[in-house]
Amino acid sequence: MTATAYIVDAVRSPMGRGREGGALAGLHPVDLLAQTFQALLARTPDLDPGDVDDVLVGCVNQIGEQSGTPGRMAWLGAGLPVHVPSTTIERKCGSSQQAVHFAAQGIMAGVYDIAIAAGVESMSAIPIGSNRNGKNPFGVGVDTRYAPGLIPQGVSAELVAARWGIDRRAQDAYALESHRRAAAAADSGAFDREIVPITTPEGTVTADESIRRGGTLEKLAALPTPFRSDAMSERFPQIEWSVTAGNASQITDGSAALLLMSERAVRRLGLTPRARVHTMTAVGDDPLLMLTGPIPASQKALRLSGLGIDDIGHFEVNEAFAPVPLAWAEELGVDTDRLNPRGGAIALGHPLGATGARIMATMLCALEDEGHRYGLQAICEAGGMANATIIERLS
């Protein structure tokens, strides 16, 4: 019989705009993650941090301030026991979701009793693509196979919009709704259990900086489409160019962490776990469309779990670009009331390595608040990959 991996707790930092002057921009990413670890552990005071078997941390751009095994440095910076190890995981936007998978798999295999899965990304310090250093990361074989070459994610989002017939107005309307839902959740206190305060040189940050209020379709319609070029228009004449900064995920700084335990550890500490990891999967998909992976990943997770669409009370599909969740919802036949009901990355931001753990913290709280039993999350990843996870609420 397979052992169970329990989720004991989950927290996240507020989301700060990933640019100079952003709420978290003055804080080193290691120190951001260190505070997140401290807050997570403080919520389980009977746990000796020295009993943690491993710390698995998602981080995408591992250069500069994020190059020194950030989980290890954050653990040490938080003043925690030196004998606890850490490793860094990079599966693009799903990095910390994969960290949860590896932590759960270690528990289920009997290798771990207690593990922390986390993620961090300071996009103000380390901008997207800065780890490429002007080099081609794909190699001759990929360039030849997909000649004249792979394309930016924004162009992939345009291809998804074209294939599923998702026009500019539908994308902008979805983006407005993401902000409305996130604002409603923030105003109602729905994020209070998951957000932990973060102290920066400028003061303490307690709320997401990314949520925009008062947006309109007219304002969004005035935004340019930055991914259009003559070369891409010639290569992909079906694209109508509709993706903008307003209907795409925001560049942000953030961190998140989950505490996972075996049944033996839960019993020893007398804890009541909040959920269990029910099903995990990862898939590859077309690297040109790139962002469609959540569709087969979710289908595979449902098939492996034995659950149906109607068994899932809450769905999270990362809002990398508005066409991603919209195409996913059409393919799986999910009504959008159950999809990202507290807003997604368009409103809350997408700190690459932290997003998977951030989403899981939000989904866990929502399952508890709404009384749903099962939640499913899926994240598209560069190169045409995706993770999907189903969790079961227990408390």
Foldseek 3Di string as FASTA:
>chain_A
DFFWKFFAAKAKAAWWFQAPPTPCLQPQQLQQVLVQVVVVCVVQVLDQLVQAAEEEEEDAQCDDSNVPQSVLSSCVVNVHDNVHYYHYAHQWLCGLVVQVVVVRVCQRVVNTFKYKGKYWFRCRVPPPPNSCVPPDPPDDVQCVVPPVHAADLLVLLLVLCLVVVPAQLNLLVVLVQLLVLQVVCVVVCLNVRHHDWDQGPVGIDTHHPQRDPDDDSVVSVPFAQPRDDPVSCVVCVSGPRRFGLLSAFGAITMMMMIMMGTPVVCVVSVGDGFWIWQFKDKDFDDLRNQLQAQQVQVVVRCVVRVHAPVLAQAEEEARRGSSNVVSSCVSRVNDCCRYSSNHHRSRRGRSRRGRNSVVVNSVSSVCVVVVRFKYKYKYGRRRGMMMMTMMGTDD
